[in-house]
Amino acid sequence: MELTVWLGLLASALFISISPGPGAIFSISQGTQYGLKRSIISVIGLQLGLMSQIIFLLLGLGVLIDQFPSIFSIIKILGMLYLIALGVMQWFKKIEQISTSKAYLDKAFSPLNSILKGFFVNITNIKGTVFFLALIPLFVDLTALKISTCLILTATLISVDLIVMIGYVMLAEISKSFLSDPKKILWQNRVTGSTLILIGLIMGTS
């Protein structure tokens, strides 16, 4: 991949990651609730989902979706339902369920659960799939794929998204100091939950 092409890919990857979406909202939610160290697990889950999307597209998922539009609809509905479910869970968390004490976090935090949540947030993000369907052919010749090109593409997209999502987590952890009151944390979770539900509805109806 030529340097000019890679710089264009890098700029596009940065734009995609910074743009508010399910991954950003999920990262902020995890950062506020669990802090940086624990939330990195969730961010890794996001990257596993993103990697799966990219691999599927490179292997021909785009062609498959064109031939079988019902696949697109199924992924779209699953993504909508999953985000709405996450939003509802955030909304109905009780005050005693969002304590920030170390003892509570050690008990409540599940690495496997966090990875799976992050994975499904990205793997069911049909808007991201559509965007990548349009983006990848601009930088990669899908009719003459090279392993080196695929590795550069995947590494660039994931590295940029990883850095940006960790940035969102860090900002969320910093803001947590201003939300030490459990009632304020409750409302923060409700705002986050409402945002996830809204994004899910927009994804499902657009």
C-alpha atoms as a PDB file:
ATOM      1  CA  MET A   1       0.000   0.000   0.000  1.00  0.00           C
ATOM      2  CA  GLU A   2       1.420   3.365  -1.037  1.00  0.00           C
ATOM      3  CA  LEU A   3       2.037   6.003   1.618  1.00  0.00           C
ATOM      4  CA  THR A   4      -0.506   8.456   0.172  1.00  0.00           C
ATOM      5  CA  VAL A   5      -3.170   5.749   0.124  1.00  0.00           C
ATOM      6  CA  TRP A   6      -2.336   4.746   3.696  1.00  0.00           C
ATOM      7  CA  LEU A   7      -2.540   8.367   4.901  1.00  0.00           C
ATOM      8  CA  GLY A   8      -5.998   8.607   3.353  1.00  0.00           C
ATOM      9  CA  LEU A   9      -6.965   5.385   5.124  1.00  0.00           C
ATOM     10  CA  LEU A  10      -5.568   6.715   8.404  1.00  0.00           C
ATOM     11  CA  ALA A  11      -7.581   9.936   8.130  1.00  0.00           C
ATOM     12  CA  SER A  12     -10.742   7.984   7.297  1.00  0.00           C
ATOM     13  CA  ALA A  13     -10.185   5.601  10.210  1.00  0.00           C
ATOM     14  CA  LEU A  14      -9.765   8.535  12.592  1.00  0.00           C
ATOM     15  CA  PHE A  15     -12.980  10.132  11.333  1.00  0.00           C
ATOM     16  CA  ILE A  16     -14.917   6.874  11.725  1.00  0.00           C
ATOM     17  CA  SER A  17     -13.684   6.259  15.271  1.00  0.00           C
ATOM     18  CA  ILE A  18     -14.175   9.800  16.575  1.00  0.00           C
ATOM     19  CA  SER A  19     -17.709  10.050  15.176  1.00  0.00           C
ATOM     20  CA  PRO A  20     -20.245   9.331  17.955  1.00  0.00           C
ATOM     21  CA  GLY A  21     -21.725   5.879  17.652  1.00  0.00           C
ATOM     22  CA  PRO A  22     -22.523   2.702  19.604  1.00  0.00           C
ATOM     23  CA  GLY A  23     -18.839   1.976  20.300  1.00  0.00           C
ATOM     24  CA  ALA A  24     -18.161   5.446  21.683  1.00  0.00           C
ATOM     25  CA  ILE A  25     -21.268   5.443  23.880  1.00  0.00           C
ATOM     26  CA  PHE A  26     -20.461   1.936  25.126  1.00  0.00           C
ATOM     27  CA  SER A  27     -16.868   2.956  25.949  1.00  0.00           C
ATOM     28  CA  ILE A  28     -18.045   6.025  27.860  1.00  0.00           C
ATOM     29  CA  SER A  29     -20.543   3.918  29.798  1.00  0.00           C
ATOM     30  CA  GLN A  30     -17.913   1.337  30.739  1.00  0.00           C
ATOM     31  CA  GLY A  31     -15.347   3.992  31.658  1.00  0.00           C
ATOM     32  CA  THR A  32     -17.766   5.772  33.952  1.00  0.00           C
ATOM     33  CA  GLN A  33     -18.811   2.571  35.671  1.00  0.00           C
ATOM     34  CA  TYR A  34     -15.592   0.541  35.868  1.00  0.00           C
ATOM     35  CA  GLY A  35     -12.668   2.912  35.269  1.00  0.00           C
ATOM     36  CA  LEU A  36      -9.807   2.653  32.785  1.00  0.00           C
ATOM     37  CA  LYS A  37      -8.143  -0.649  33.715  1.00  0.00           C
ATOM     38  CA  ARG A  38     -11.311  -2.734  33.692  1.00  0.00           C
ATOM     39  CA  SER A  39     -12.820  -0.966  30.678  1.00  0.00           C
ATOM     40  CA  ILE A  40      -9.851  -1.827  28.467  1.00  0.00           C
ATOM     41  CA  ILE A  41     -11.299  -5.363  28.444  1.00  0.00           C
ATOM     42  CA  SER A  42     -14.512  -3.977  26.938  1.00  0.00           C
ATOM     43  CA  VAL A  43     -12.525  -2.006  24.360  1.00  0.00           C
ATOM     44  CA  ILE A  44     -10.720  -5.207  23.362  1.00  0.00           C
ATOM     45  CA  GLY A  45     -14.145  -6.762  22.813  1.00  0.00           C
ATOM     46  CA  LEU A  46     -15.039  -3.841  20.547  1.00  0.00           C
ATOM     47  CA  GLN A  47     -11.883  -4.435  18.510  1.00  0.00           C
ATOM     48  CA  LEU A  48     -12.626  -8.152  18.167  1.00  0.00           C
ATOM     49  CA  GLY A  49     -16.025  -7.229  16.767  1.00  0.00           C
ATOM     50  CA  LEU A  50     -14.473  -4.659  14.443  1.00  0.00           C
ATOM     51  CA  MET A  51     -11.861  -7.158  13.264  1.00  0.00           C
ATOM     52  CA  SER A  52     -14.585  -9.703  12.526  1.00  0.00           C
ATOM     53  CA  GLN A  53     -16.496  -7.128  10.476  1.00  0.00           C
ATOM     54  CA  ILE A  54     -13.431  -6.259   8.418  1.00  0.00           C
ATOM     55  CA  ILE A  55     -12.513  -9.910   7.818  1.00  0.00           C
ATOM     56  CA  PHE A  56     -16.066 -10.782   6.775  1.00  0.00           C
ATOM     57  CA  LEU A  57     -16.119  -7.881   4.331  1.00  0.00           C
ATOM     58  CA  LEU A  58     -12.747  -8.793   2.865  1.00  0.00           C
ATOM     59  CA  LEU A  59     -13.930 -12.388   2.442  1.00  0.00           C
ATOM     60  CA  GLY A  60     -17.003 -11.330   0.511  1.00  0.00           C
ATOM     61  CA  LEU A  61     -19.751 -10.486   2.997  1.00  0.00           C
ATOM     62  CA  GLY A  62     -20.551  -7.391   0.930  1.00  0.00           C
ATOM     63  CA  VAL A  63     -21.302  -9.532  -2.130  1.00  0.00           C
ATOM     64  CA  LEU A  64     -23.368 -11.890   0.015  1.00  0.00           C
ATOM     65  CA  ILE A  65     -25.446  -8.999   1.395  1.00  0.00           C
ATOM     66  CA  ASP A  66     -26.042  -7.721  -2.142  1.00  0.00           C
ATOM     67  CA  GLN A  67     -27.317 -11.146  -3.215  1.00  0.00           C
ATOM     68  CA  PHE A  68     -29.342 -11.820  -0.064  1.00  0.00           C
ATOM     69  CA  PRO A  69     -30.772  -8.529   1.306  1.00  0.00           C
ATOM     70  CA  SER A  70     -32.493 -10.449   4.117  1.00  0.00           C
ATOM     71  CA  ILE A  71     -29.069 -10.933   5.752  1.00  0.00           C
ATOM     72  CA  PHE A  72     -28.738  -7.160   5.966  1.00  0.00           C
ATOM     73  CA  SER A  73     -32.167  -6.898   7.594  1.00  0.00           C
ATOM     74  CA  ILE A  74     -31.407  -9.636  10.127  1.00  0.00           C
ATOM     75  CA  ILE A  75     -28.111  -8.034  11.199  1.00  0.00           C
ATOM     76  CA  LYS A  76     -29.834  -4.661  11.357  1.00  0.00           C
ATOM     77  CA  ILE A  77     -32.626  -5.946  13.622  1.00  0.00           C
ATOM     78  CA  LEU A  78     -30.189  -7.820  15.885  1.00  0.00           C
ATOM     79  CA  GLY A  79     -28.071  -4.699  16.269  1.00  0.00           C
ATOM     80  CA  MET A  80     -31.113  -2.591  17.079  1.00  0.00           C
ATOM     81  CA  LEU A  81     -32.409  -5.052  19.690  1.00  0.00           C
ATOM     82  CA  TYR A  82     -28.998  -5.463  21.313  1.00  0.00           C
ATOM     83  CA  LEU A  83     -28.417  -1.722  21.718  1.00  0.00           C
ATOM     84  CA  ILE A  84     -31.934  -1.224  23.055  1.00  0.00           C
ATOM     85  CA  ALA A  85     -31.385  -4.065  25.551  1.00  0.00           C
ATOM     86  CA  LEU A  86     -28.127  -2.476  26.746  1.00  0.00           C
ATOM     87  CA  GLY A  87     -29.884   0.874  27.068  1.00  0.00           C
ATOM     88  CA  VAL A  88     -32.755  -0.592  29.081  1.00  0.00           C
ATOM     89  CA  MET A  89     -30.314  -2.317  31.458  1.00  0.00           C
ATOM     90  CA  GLN A  90     -28.465   0.966  31.970  1.00  0.00           C
ATOM     91  CA  TRP A  91     -31.713   2.862  32.556  1.00  0.00           C
ATOM     92  CA  PHE A  92     -33.063   0.517  35.232  1.00  0.00           C
ATOM     93  CA  LYS A  93     -29.896   0.085  37.288  1.00  0.00           C
ATOM     94  CA  LYS A  94     -30.633   0.826  40.927  1.00  0.00           C
ATOM     95  CA  ILE A  95     -28.518   3.250  42.934  1.00  0.00           C
ATOM     96  CA  GLU A  96     -27.068   0.459  45.050  1.00  0.00           C
ATOM     97  CA  GLN A  97     -26.032  -1.335  41.844  1.00  0.00           C
ATOM     98  CA  ILE A  98     -23.718   1.468  40.712  1.00  0.00           C
ATOM     99  CA  SER A  99     -21.465   1.853  43.702  1.00  0.00           C
ATOM    100  CA  THR A 100     -17.902   2.766  42.738  1.00  0.00           C
ATOM    101  CA  SER A 101     -16.247   1.006  45.689  1.00  0.00           C
ATOM    102  CA  LYS A 102     -13.438  -1.418  44.837  1.00  0.00           C
ATOM    103  CA  ALA A 103     -15.234  -4.278  46.590  1.00  0.00           C
ATOM    104  CA  TYR A 104     -18.351  -3.757  44.473  1.00  0.00           C
ATOM    105  CA  LEU A 105     -16.414  -3.406  41.218  1.00  0.00           C
ATOM    106  CA  ASP A 106     -14.400  -6.560  41.928  1.00  0.00           C
ATOM    107  CA  LYS A 107     -17.647  -8.436  42.488  1.00  0.00           C
ATOM    108  CA  ALA A 108     -19.682  -6.907  39.646  1.00  0.00           C
ATOM    109  CA  PHE A 109     -17.042  -6.874  36.903  1.00  0.00           C
ATOM    110  CA  SER A 110     -16.823  -9.881  34.592  1.00  0.00           C
ATOM    111  CA  PRO A 111     -14.018  -9.832  31.977  1.00  0.00           C
ATOM    112  CA  LEU A 112     -15.767 -12.381  29.757  1.00  0.00           C
ATOM    113  CA  ASN A 113     -19.069 -10.519  29.946  1.00  0.00           C
ATOM    114  CA  SER A 114     -17.330  -7.238  29.120  1.00  0.00           C
ATOM    115  CA  ILE A 115     -15.539  -8.712  26.105  1.00  0.00           C
ATOM    116  CA  LEU A 116     -18.755 -10.251  24.786  1.00  0.00           C
ATOM    117  CA  LYS A 117     -20.693  -7.014  25.238  1.00  0.00           C
ATOM    118  CA  GLY A 118     -18.061  -5.055  23.337  1.00  0.00           C
ATOM    119  CA  PHE A 119     -17.882  -7.704  20.619  1.00  0.00           C
ATOM    120  CA  PHE A 120     -21.629  -7.714  19.995  1.00  0.00           C
ATOM    121  CA  VAL A 121     -21.847  -3.902  20.024  1.00  0.00           C
ATOM    122  CA  ASN A 122     -19.526  -3.752  17.006  1.00  0.00           C
ATOM    123  CA  ILE A 123     -20.405  -6.968  15.195  1.00  0.00           C
ATOM    124  CA  THR A 124     -24.091  -5.936  15.058  1.00  0.00           C
ATOM    125  CA  ASN A 125     -23.362  -2.325  14.089  1.00  0.00           C
ATOM    126  CA  ILE A 126     -24.857  -2.454  10.594  1.00  0.00           C
ATOM    127  CA  LYS A 127     -24.111   1.232  10.011  1.00  0.00           C
ATOM    128  CA  GLY A 128     -20.438   0.427  10.464  1.00  0.00           C
ATOM    129  CA  THR A 129     -20.759  -2.487   8.051  1.00  0.00           C
ATOM    130  CA  VAL A 130     -22.338  -0.272   5.403  1.00  0.00           C
ATOM    131  CA  PHE A 131     -19.664   2.372   5.927  1.00  0.00           C
ATOM    132  CA  PHE A 132     -16.881  -0.185   5.551  1.00  0.00           C
ATOM    133  CA  LEU A 133     -18.566  -1.565   2.428  1.00  0.00           C
ATOM    134  CA  ALA A 134     -18.167   1.885   0.899  1.00  0.00           C
ATOM    135  CA  LEU A 135     -14.761   2.631   2.442  1.00  0.00           C
ATOM    136  CA  ILE A 136     -12.677  -0.499   1.910  1.00  0.00           C
ATOM    137  CA  PRO A 137     -12.891  -0.568  -1.926  1.00  0.00           C
ATOM    138  CA  LEU A 138     -11.435   2.947  -1.960  1.00  0.00           C
ATOM    139  CA  PHE A 139      -8.179   1.648  -0.510  1.00  0.00           C
ATOM    140  CA  VAL A 140      -8.122  -2.034  -1.445  1.00  0.00           C
ATOM    141  CA  ASP A 141      -8.614  -3.772  -4.778  1.00  0.00           C
ATOM    142  CA  LEU A 142     -11.017  -6.530  -3.751  1.00  0.00           C
ATOM    143  CA  THR A 143     -10.389  -8.381  -7.015  1.00  0.00           C
ATOM    144  CA  ALA A 144      -6.662  -8.712  -6.296  1.00  0.00           C
ATOM    145  CA  LEU A 145      -6.276  -8.921  -2.539  1.00  0.00           C
ATOM    146  CA  LYS A 146      -2.825  -9.265  -1.025  1.00  0.00           C
ATOM    147  CA  ILE A 147      -2.245 -10.525   2.505  1.00  0.00           C
ATOM    148  CA  SER A 148       0.073  -7.599   3.252  1.00  0.00           C
ATOM    149  CA  THR A 149      -2.558  -5.080   2.150  1.00  0.00           C
ATOM    150  CA  CYS A 150      -5.258  -6.777   4.238  1.00  0.00           C
ATOM    151  CA  LEU A 151      -2.985  -6.759   7.283  1.00  0.00           C
ATOM    152  CA  ILE A 152      -2.166  -3.061   6.869  1.00  0.00           C
ATOM    153  CA  LEU A 153      -5.844  -2.182   6.405  1.00  0.00           C
ATOM    154  CA  THR A 154      -6.985  -4.205   9.420  1.00  0.00           C
ATOM    155  CA  ALA A 155      -4.139  -3.055  11.679  1.00  0.00           C
ATOM    156  CA  THR A 156      -4.730   0.605  10.803  1.00  0.00           C
ATOM    157  CA  LEU A 157      -8.485   0.547  11.411  1.00  0.00           C
ATOM    158  CA  ILE A 158      -8.183  -1.392  14.670  1.00  0.00           C
ATOM    159  CA  SER A 159      -5.210   0.565  16.051  1.00  0.00           C
ATOM    160  CA  VAL A 160      -6.904   3.915  15.477  1.00  0.00           C
ATOM    161  CA  ASP A 161     -10.207   2.730  16.937  1.00  0.00           C
ATOM    162  CA  LEU A 162      -8.433   1.206  19.946  1.00  0.00           C
ATOM    163  CA  ILE A 163      -6.682   4.498  20.740  1.00  0.00           C
ATOM    164  CA  VAL A 164      -9.840   6.574  20.279  1.00  0.00           C
ATOM    165  CA  MET A 165     -12.010   4.245  22.396  1.00  0.00           C
ATOM    166  CA  ILE A 166      -9.429   4.248  25.194  1.00  0.00           C
ATOM    167  CA  GLY A 167      -9.509   8.039  24.957  1.00  0.00           C
ATOM    168  CA  TYR A 168     -13.284   7.975  25.442  1.00  0.00           C
ATOM    169  CA  VAL A 169     -12.838   5.670  28.445  1.00  0.00           C
ATOM    170  CA  MET A 170     -10.242   8.005  29.987  1.00  0.00           C
ATOM    171  CA  LEU A 171     -12.515  11.024  29.557  1.00  0.00           C
ATOM    172  CA  ALA A 172     -15.357   9.072  31.155  1.00  0.00           C
ATOM    173  CA  GLU A 173     -13.177   8.080  34.114  1.00  0.00           C
ATOM    174  CA  ILE A 174     -12.133  11.710  34.621  1.00  0.00           C
ATOM    175  CA  SER A 175     -15.749  12.850  34.542  1.00  0.00           C
ATOM    176  CA  LYS A 176     -16.589  10.206  37.159  1.00  0.00           C
ATOM    177  CA  SER A 177     -14.937  12.366  39.825  1.00  0.00           C
ATOM    178  CA  PHE A 178     -17.666  14.942  39.197  1.00  0.00           C
ATOM    179  CA  LEU A 179     -20.327  12.247  39.554  1.00  0.00           C
ATOM    180  CA  SER A 180     -19.396  10.775  42.927  1.00  0.00           C
ATOM    181  CA  ASP A 181     -22.955  11.163  44.210  1.00  0.00           C
ATOM    182  CA  PRO A 182     -24.812   7.873  43.495  1.00  0.00           C
ATOM    183  CA  LYS A 183     -27.885   9.814  42.356  1.00  0.00           C
ATOM    184  CA  LYS A 184     -25.793  11.686  39.794  1.00  0.00           C
ATOM    185  CA  ILE A 185     -24.342   8.384  38.591  1.00  0.00           C
ATOM    186  CA  LEU A 186     -27.882   7.049  38.309  1.00  0.00           C
ATOM    187  CA  TRP A 187     -28.889   9.916  36.035  1.00  0.00           C
ATOM    188  CA  GLN A 188     -25.696   9.573  34.030  1.00  0.00           C
ATOM    189  CA  ASN A 189     -26.572   5.920  33.417  1.00  0.00           C
ATOM    190  CA  ARG A 190     -30.079   6.926  32.391  1.00  0.00           C
ATOM    191  CA  VAL A 191     -28.725   9.442  29.893  1.00  0.00           C
ATOM    192  CA  THR A 192     -26.330   6.803  28.533  1.00  0.00           C
ATOM    193  CA  GLY A 193     -29.123   4.229  28.417  1.00  0.00           C
ATOM    194  CA  SER A 194     -31.447   6.618  26.600  1.00  0.00           C
ATOM    195  CA  THR A 195     -28.709   7.392  24.074  1.00  0.00           C
ATOM    196  CA  LEU A 196     -28.122   3.694  23.391  1.00  0.00           C
ATOM    197  CA  ILE A 197     -31.857   3.132  22.929  1.00  0.00           C
ATOM    198  CA  LEU A 198     -32.075   6.133  20.582  1.00  0.00           C
ATOM    199  CA  ILE A 199     -29.124   4.941  18.491  1.00  0.00           C
ATOM    200  CA  GLY A 200     -30.679   1.474  18.323  1.00  0.00           C
ATOM    201  CA  LEU A 201     -34.005   2.881  17.116  1.00  0.00           C
ATOM    202  CA  ILE A 202     -32.290   5.071  14.522  1.00  0.00           C
ATOM    203  CA  MET A 203     -30.279   2.091  13.265  1.00  0.00           C
ATOM    204  CA  GLY A 204     -33.377  -0.062  13.048  1.00  0.00           C
ATOM    205  CA  THR A 205     -35.627   2.420  11.273  1.00  0.00           C
ATOM    206  CA  SER A 206     -33.227   4.092   8.835  1.00  0.00           C
END
